[in-house]
Amino acid sequence: MAENEEVPIEGTEGSEEVLRVRLPRDKQVLGLCERRLGGSRMKVICLDGKTRVCRIPGRLKRILWVRDGDTLLIEPWEFSGDGKGDVVYKYRPLQVQWLKKNGYLKGLEDLEEF
């Protein structure tokens, strides 16, 4: 799988702009933020069927603002990967549409309520 995939998206005036979609690599998993727990922690439902308590690392704490229902890229921890992980990336709405269209979010379609 490629790390980033460039996809042409038509703009409002008919012009095309290139949208880069970051795809999961190695052990990374796509997930949906179920609930914020306070601080920089949240409960995330991942595509591999596990629910993890994930945190936003310090280098992204002031940059990455996450709300309930956001689609995220999660990297599970090595020593307790079933229960904990780090948020690596937050997908924008156009990127989420592209992921749904190309079948990357098949497991989350049942869980989403929007």
N, C-alpha and C. Protein backbone atom coordinates (compact mmCIF):
# COMPACT_ATOMS: atom_id res chain seq x y z
N MET A 1 0.82 -1.17 0.00
CA MET A 1 0.00 0.00 0.00
C MET A 1 0.87 1.24 0.00
N ALA A 2 0.46 2.24 -0.73
CA ALA A 2 1.21 3.49 -0.77
C ALA A 2 0.90 4.30 0.48
N GLU A 3 1.86 5.13 0.88
CA GLU A 3 1.64 5.95 2.06
C GLU A 3 0.61 7.03 1.78
N ASN A 4 0.79 7.76 0.70
CA ASN A 4 -0.14 8.80 0.29
C ASN A 4 -0.61 8.50 -1.11
N GLU A 5 -1.86 8.78 -1.37
CA GLU A 5 -2.37 8.58 -2.71
C GLU A 5 -3.01 9.88 -3.15
N GLU A 6 -2.61 10.39 -4.32
CA GLU A 6 -3.14 11.65 -4.84
C GLU A 6 -4.37 11.35 -5.66
N VAL A 7 -5.45 12.11 -5.38
CA VAL A 7 -6.71 11.89 -6.04
C VAL A 7 -7.22 13.22 -6.56
N PRO A 8 -7.56 13.34 -7.86
CA PRO A 8 -8.12 14.60 -8.35
C PRO A 8 -9.57 14.75 -7.88
N ILE A 9 -9.88 15.91 -7.31
CA ILE A 9 -11.23 16.22 -6.83
C ILE A 9 -11.68 17.48 -7.55
N GLU A 10 -12.90 17.47 -8.07
CA GLU A 10 -13.39 18.67 -8.74
C GLU A 10 -13.81 19.69 -7.70
N GLY A 11 -13.39 20.95 -7.93
CA GLY A 11 -13.75 22.04 -7.03
C GLY A 11 -15.12 22.59 -7.36
N THR A 12 -15.49 23.67 -6.72
CA THR A 12 -16.80 24.26 -6.92
C THR A 12 -16.93 24.93 -8.28
N GLU A 13 -15.83 25.41 -8.83
CA GLU A 13 -15.88 26.11 -10.11
C GLU A 13 -15.47 25.20 -11.26
N GLY A 14 -15.44 23.90 -11.06
CA GLY A 14 -15.07 22.97 -12.11
C GLY A 14 -13.58 22.72 -12.21
N SER A 15 -12.78 23.45 -11.45
CA SER A 15 -11.33 23.24 -11.47
C SER A 15 -11.00 22.01 -10.62
N GLU A 16 -9.95 21.32 -10.98
CA GLU A 16 -9.54 20.15 -10.22
C GLU A 16 -8.41 20.50 -9.27
N GLU A 17 -8.49 20.01 -8.06
CA GLU A 17 -7.40 20.15 -7.11
C GLU A 17 -7.01 18.76 -6.65
N VAL A 18 -5.76 18.61 -6.27
CA VAL A 18 -5.27 17.30 -5.88
C VAL A 18 -5.41 17.13 -4.38
N LEU A 19 -6.01 16.02 -3.97
CA LEU A 19 -6.23 15.71 -2.57
C LEU A 19 -5.34 14.53 -2.20
N ARG A 20 -4.53 14.68 -1.18
CA ARG A 20 -3.66 13.59 -0.73
C ARG A 20 -4.34 12.85 0.41
N VAL A 21 -4.46 11.57 0.26
CA VAL A 21 -5.09 10.74 1.28
C VAL A 21 -4.02 9.83 1.87
N ARG A 22 -3.83 9.94 3.16
CA ARG A 22 -2.84 9.12 3.85
C ARG A 22 -3.47 7.77 4.18
N LEU A 23 -2.82 6.71 3.76
CA LEU A 23 -3.33 5.36 3.98
C LEU A 23 -2.55 4.67 5.09
N PRO A 24 -3.16 3.67 5.76
CA PRO A 24 -2.47 2.97 6.84
C PRO A 24 -1.26 2.20 6.34
N ARG A 25 -0.18 2.24 7.11
CA ARG A 25 1.05 1.51 6.81
C ARG A 25 1.38 0.59 7.98
N ASP A 26 2.05 -0.49 7.70
CA ASP A 26 2.52 -1.44 8.72
C ASP A 26 1.41 -1.82 9.70
N LYS A 27 1.51 -1.39 10.95
CA LYS A 27 0.56 -1.78 11.99
C LYS A 27 -0.56 -0.76 12.19
N GLN A 28 -0.56 0.32 11.43
CA GLN A 28 -1.56 1.38 11.61
C GLN A 28 -2.95 0.88 11.20
N VAL A 29 -3.98 1.44 11.87
CA VAL A 29 -5.37 1.03 11.67
C VAL A 29 -6.23 2.28 11.57
N LEU A 30 -7.29 2.21 10.77
CA LEU A 30 -8.27 3.28 10.72
C LEU A 30 -9.24 3.10 11.87
N GLY A 31 -9.75 4.23 12.42
CA GLY A 31 -10.68 4.15 13.52
C GLY A 31 -11.60 5.34 13.58
N LEU A 32 -12.61 5.25 14.42
CA LEU A 32 -13.62 6.29 14.59
C LEU A 32 -13.65 6.70 16.06
N CYS A 33 -13.52 8.00 16.32
CA CYS A 33 -13.54 8.49 17.70
C CYS A 33 -14.94 8.33 18.26
N GLU A 34 -15.05 7.50 19.26
CA GLU A 34 -16.36 7.24 19.87
C GLU A 34 -16.67 8.26 20.96
N ARG A 35 -15.67 8.56 21.80
CA ARG A 35 -15.92 9.44 22.94
C ARG A 35 -14.62 10.05 23.43
N ARG A 36 -14.64 11.35 23.74
CA ARG A 36 -13.48 12.00 24.36
C ARG A 36 -13.50 11.67 25.84
N LEU A 37 -12.33 11.39 26.41
CA LEU A 37 -12.25 11.01 27.82
C LEU A 37 -11.65 12.11 28.68
N GLY A 38 -11.15 13.16 28.08
CA GLY A 38 -10.53 14.23 28.83
C GLY A 38 -9.04 14.26 28.59
N GLY A 39 -8.47 15.43 28.72
CA GLY A 39 -7.06 15.58 28.43
C GLY A 39 -6.82 15.35 26.96
N SER A 40 -5.90 14.49 26.65
CA SER A 40 -5.64 14.18 25.24
C SER A 40 -6.00 12.73 24.93
N ARG A 41 -6.92 12.16 25.71
CA ARG A 41 -7.30 10.76 25.52
C ARG A 41 -8.71 10.64 24.98
N MET A 42 -8.94 9.54 24.25
CA MET A 42 -10.26 9.29 23.67
C MET A 42 -10.46 7.79 23.48
N LYS A 43 -11.72 7.39 23.37
CA LYS A 43 -12.06 6.00 23.10
C LYS A 43 -12.31 5.89 21.59
N VAL A 44 -11.59 4.97 20.92
CA VAL A 44 -11.65 4.85 19.47
C VAL A 44 -12.05 3.42 19.09
N ILE A 45 -13.03 3.30 18.19
CA ILE A 45 -13.41 2.01 17.63
C ILE A 45 -12.57 1.81 16.37
N CYS A 46 -11.76 0.76 16.33
CA CYS A 46 -10.84 0.53 15.22
C CYS A 46 -11.42 -0.49 14.24
N LEU A 47 -10.92 -0.47 13.01
CA LEU A 47 -11.40 -1.38 11.98
C LEU A 47 -11.05 -2.83 12.24
N ASP A 48 -10.08 -3.09 13.09
CA ASP A 48 -9.74 -4.48 13.39
C ASP A 48 -10.65 -5.09 14.45
N GLY A 49 -11.71 -4.35 14.82
CA GLY A 49 -12.71 -4.87 15.74
C GLY A 49 -12.44 -4.60 17.20
N LYS A 50 -11.36 -3.89 17.52
CA LYS A 50 -11.01 -3.62 18.91
C LYS A 50 -11.33 -2.17 19.26
N THR A 51 -11.65 -1.94 20.52
CA THR A 51 -11.85 -0.59 21.03
C THR A 51 -10.63 -0.23 21.85
N ARG A 52 -9.99 0.88 21.51
CA ARG A 52 -8.75 1.29 22.17
C ARG A 52 -8.92 2.65 22.84
N VAL A 53 -8.19 2.84 23.93
CA VAL A 53 -8.06 4.16 24.52
C VAL A 53 -6.81 4.77 23.89
N CYS A 54 -7.02 5.81 23.09
CA CYS A 54 -5.91 6.41 22.35
C CYS A 54 -5.61 7.79 22.88
N ARG A 55 -4.38 8.21 22.67
CA ARG A 55 -3.98 9.53 23.10
C ARG A 55 -3.38 10.29 21.93
N ILE A 56 -3.41 11.61 22.03
CA ILE A 56 -2.75 12.47 21.05
C ILE A 56 -1.36 12.73 21.58
N PRO A 57 -0.30 12.34 20.85
CA PRO A 57 1.06 12.56 21.33
C PRO A 57 1.37 14.05 21.51
N GLY A 58 2.36 14.35 22.34
CA GLY A 58 2.69 15.73 22.66
C GLY A 58 3.02 16.60 21.47
N ARG A 59 3.65 16.03 20.43
CA ARG A 59 4.02 16.83 19.27
C ARG A 59 2.80 17.27 18.46
N LEU A 60 1.66 16.58 18.63
CA LEU A 60 0.44 16.92 17.89
C LEU A 60 -0.64 17.54 18.78
N LYS A 61 -0.37 17.67 20.06
CA LYS A 61 -1.40 18.07 21.02
C LYS A 61 -2.04 19.42 20.70
N ARG A 62 -1.26 20.39 20.30
CA ARG A 62 -1.80 21.72 20.01
C ARG A 62 -2.27 21.85 18.56
N ILE A 63 -1.87 20.93 17.70
CA ILE A 63 -2.20 21.00 16.28
C ILE A 63 -3.48 20.24 15.96
N LEU A 64 -3.66 19.08 16.56
CA LEU A 64 -4.73 18.15 16.21
C LEU A 64 -5.91 18.31 17.17
N TRP A 65 -7.04 18.75 16.65
CA TRP A 65 -8.25 18.89 17.44
C TRP A 65 -9.24 17.82 16.99
N VAL A 66 -9.61 16.94 17.90
CA VAL A 66 -10.45 15.80 17.56
C VAL A 66 -11.78 15.91 18.28
N ARG A 67 -12.86 15.58 17.56
CA ARG A 67 -14.20 15.54 18.13
C ARG A 67 -14.79 14.14 17.98
N ASP A 68 -15.91 13.91 18.65
CA ASP A 68 -16.59 12.63 18.51
C ASP A 68 -17.03 12.45 17.06
N GLY A 69 -16.83 11.24 16.52
CA GLY A 69 -17.24 10.95 15.16
C GLY A 69 -16.18 11.19 14.10
N ASP A 70 -15.01 11.71 14.47
CA ASP A 70 -13.94 11.94 13.51
C ASP A 70 -13.27 10.63 13.12
N THR A 71 -12.86 10.54 11.87
CA THR A 71 -12.13 9.37 11.38
C THR A 71 -10.64 9.61 11.58
N LEU A 72 -9.96 8.64 12.19
CA LEU A 72 -8.57 8.81 12.61
C LEU A 72 -7.70 7.67 12.10
N LEU A 73 -6.41 7.93 12.04
CA LEU A 73 -5.41 6.90 11.77
C LEU A 73 -4.72 6.61 13.10
N ILE A 74 -4.79 5.36 13.55
CA ILE A 74 -4.31 4.96 14.87
C ILE A 74 -3.10 4.05 14.71
N GLU A 75 -2.11 4.25 15.58
CA GLU A 75 -0.97 3.32 15.65
C GLU A 75 -1.01 2.64 17.02
N PRO A 76 -1.35 1.34 17.06
CA PRO A 76 -1.43 0.62 18.34
C PRO A 76 -0.06 0.56 19.03
N TRP A 77 -0.07 0.57 20.36
CA TRP A 77 1.16 0.44 21.11
C TRP A 77 1.70 -0.97 20.96
N GLU A 78 3.01 -1.10 21.00
CA GLU A 78 3.63 -2.41 20.81
C GLU A 78 3.39 -3.35 21.98
N PHE A 79 3.49 -2.83 23.22
CA PHE A 79 3.41 -3.73 24.38
C PHE A 79 1.99 -3.97 24.84
N SER A 80 1.03 -3.11 24.54
CA SER A 80 -0.38 -3.38 24.87
C SER A 80 -1.25 -2.91 23.72
N GLY A 81 -0.99 -3.42 22.54
CA GLY A 81 -1.64 -2.98 21.31
C GLY A 81 -3.13 -3.22 21.26
N ASP A 82 -3.63 -4.17 22.07
CA ASP A 82 -5.06 -4.45 22.04
C ASP A 82 -5.88 -3.39 22.75
N GLY A 83 -5.27 -2.65 23.67
CA GLY A 83 -6.05 -1.72 24.46
C GLY A 83 -5.68 -0.27 24.33
N LYS A 84 -4.48 0.03 23.81
CA LYS A 84 -4.03 1.42 23.76
C LYS A 84 -3.38 1.74 22.42
N GLY A 85 -3.35 3.05 22.10
CA GLY A 85 -2.72 3.45 20.85
C GLY A 85 -2.53 4.96 20.80
N ASP A 86 -1.87 5.42 19.74
CA ASP A 86 -1.63 6.84 19.50
C ASP A 86 -2.38 7.28 18.25
N VAL A 87 -2.89 8.51 18.28
CA VAL A 87 -3.52 9.10 17.10
C VAL A 87 -2.40 9.67 16.23
N VAL A 88 -2.33 9.23 14.98
CA VAL A 88 -1.29 9.66 14.07
C VAL A 88 -1.80 10.77 13.14
N TYR A 89 -3.08 10.67 12.72
CA TYR A 89 -3.61 11.58 11.71
C TYR A 89 -5.12 11.67 11.84
N LYS A 90 -5.67 12.84 11.52
CA LYS A 90 -7.12 13.03 11.47
C LYS A 90 -7.51 13.33 10.03
N TYR A 91 -8.49 12.59 9.51
CA TYR A 91 -8.92 12.76 8.13
C TYR A 91 -9.93 13.90 8.01
N ARG A 92 -9.81 14.67 6.93
CA ARG A 92 -10.76 15.74 6.61
C ARG A 92 -11.98 15.12 5.90
N PRO A 93 -13.10 15.86 5.83
CA PRO A 93 -14.34 15.29 5.24
C PRO A 93 -14.17 14.78 3.81
N LEU A 94 -13.45 15.49 2.94
CA LEU A 94 -13.25 15.02 1.57
C LEU A 94 -12.44 13.73 1.54
N GLN A 95 -11.47 13.62 2.44
CA GLN A 95 -10.66 12.41 2.52
C GLN A 95 -11.50 11.23 3.00
N VAL A 96 -12.41 11.49 3.94
CA VAL A 96 -13.30 10.43 4.44
C VAL A 96 -14.20 9.94 3.32
N GLN A 97 -14.73 10.86 2.50
CA GLN A 97 -15.56 10.47 1.36
C GLN A 97 -14.77 9.57 0.41
N TRP A 98 -13.52 9.94 0.14
CA TRP A 98 -12.69 9.14 -0.76
C TRP A 98 -12.43 7.75 -0.17
N LEU A 99 -12.15 7.69 1.14
CA LEU A 99 -11.91 6.40 1.79
C LEU A 99 -13.16 5.51 1.72
N LYS A 100 -14.34 6.10 1.91
CA LYS A 100 -15.59 5.33 1.83
C LYS A 100 -15.81 4.83 0.41
N LYS A 101 -15.57 5.71 -0.57
CA LYS A 101 -15.80 5.36 -1.97
C LYS A 101 -14.90 4.22 -2.43
N ASN A 102 -13.69 4.17 -1.91
CA ASN A 102 -12.73 3.15 -2.32
C ASN A 102 -12.68 1.94 -1.39
N GLY A 103 -13.60 1.85 -0.42
CA GLY A 103 -13.75 0.64 0.37
C GLY A 103 -12.83 0.49 1.55
N TYR A 104 -12.16 1.53 1.97
CA TYR A 104 -11.27 1.42 3.13
C TYR A 104 -12.04 1.45 4.45
N LEU A 105 -13.26 2.00 4.46
CA LEU A 105 -14.04 2.14 5.69
C LEU A 105 -15.23 1.19 5.73
N LYS A 106 -15.12 0.01 5.14
CA LYS A 106 -16.25 -0.93 5.10
C LYS A 106 -16.69 -1.36 6.49
N GLY A 107 -15.78 -1.57 7.41
CA GLY A 107 -16.13 -2.02 8.75
C GLY A 107 -16.77 -0.94 9.60
N LEU A 108 -16.51 0.33 9.30
CA LEU A 108 -17.06 1.41 10.11
C LEU A 108 -18.43 1.88 9.63
N GLU A 109 -18.86 1.47 8.45
CA GLU A 109 -20.15 1.93 7.94
C GLU A 109 -21.30 1.50 8.85
N ASP A 110 -21.18 0.34 9.49
CA ASP A 110 -22.23 -0.13 10.39
C ASP A 110 -22.28 0.69 11.67
N LEU A 111 -21.14 1.24 12.09
CA LEU A 111 -21.06 1.94 13.36
C LEU A 111 -21.43 3.41 13.26
N GLU A 112 -21.25 4.00 12.07
CA GLU A 112 -21.47 5.44 11.92
C GLU A 112 -22.95 5.77 11.95
N GLU A 113 -23.27 6.89 12.57
CA GLU A 113 -24.64 7.33 12.64
C GLU A 113 -24.86 8.64 11.94
N PHE A 114 -23.91 9.04 11.09
CA PHE A 114 -24.10 10.32 10.37
C PHE A 114 -23.99 10.14 8.89
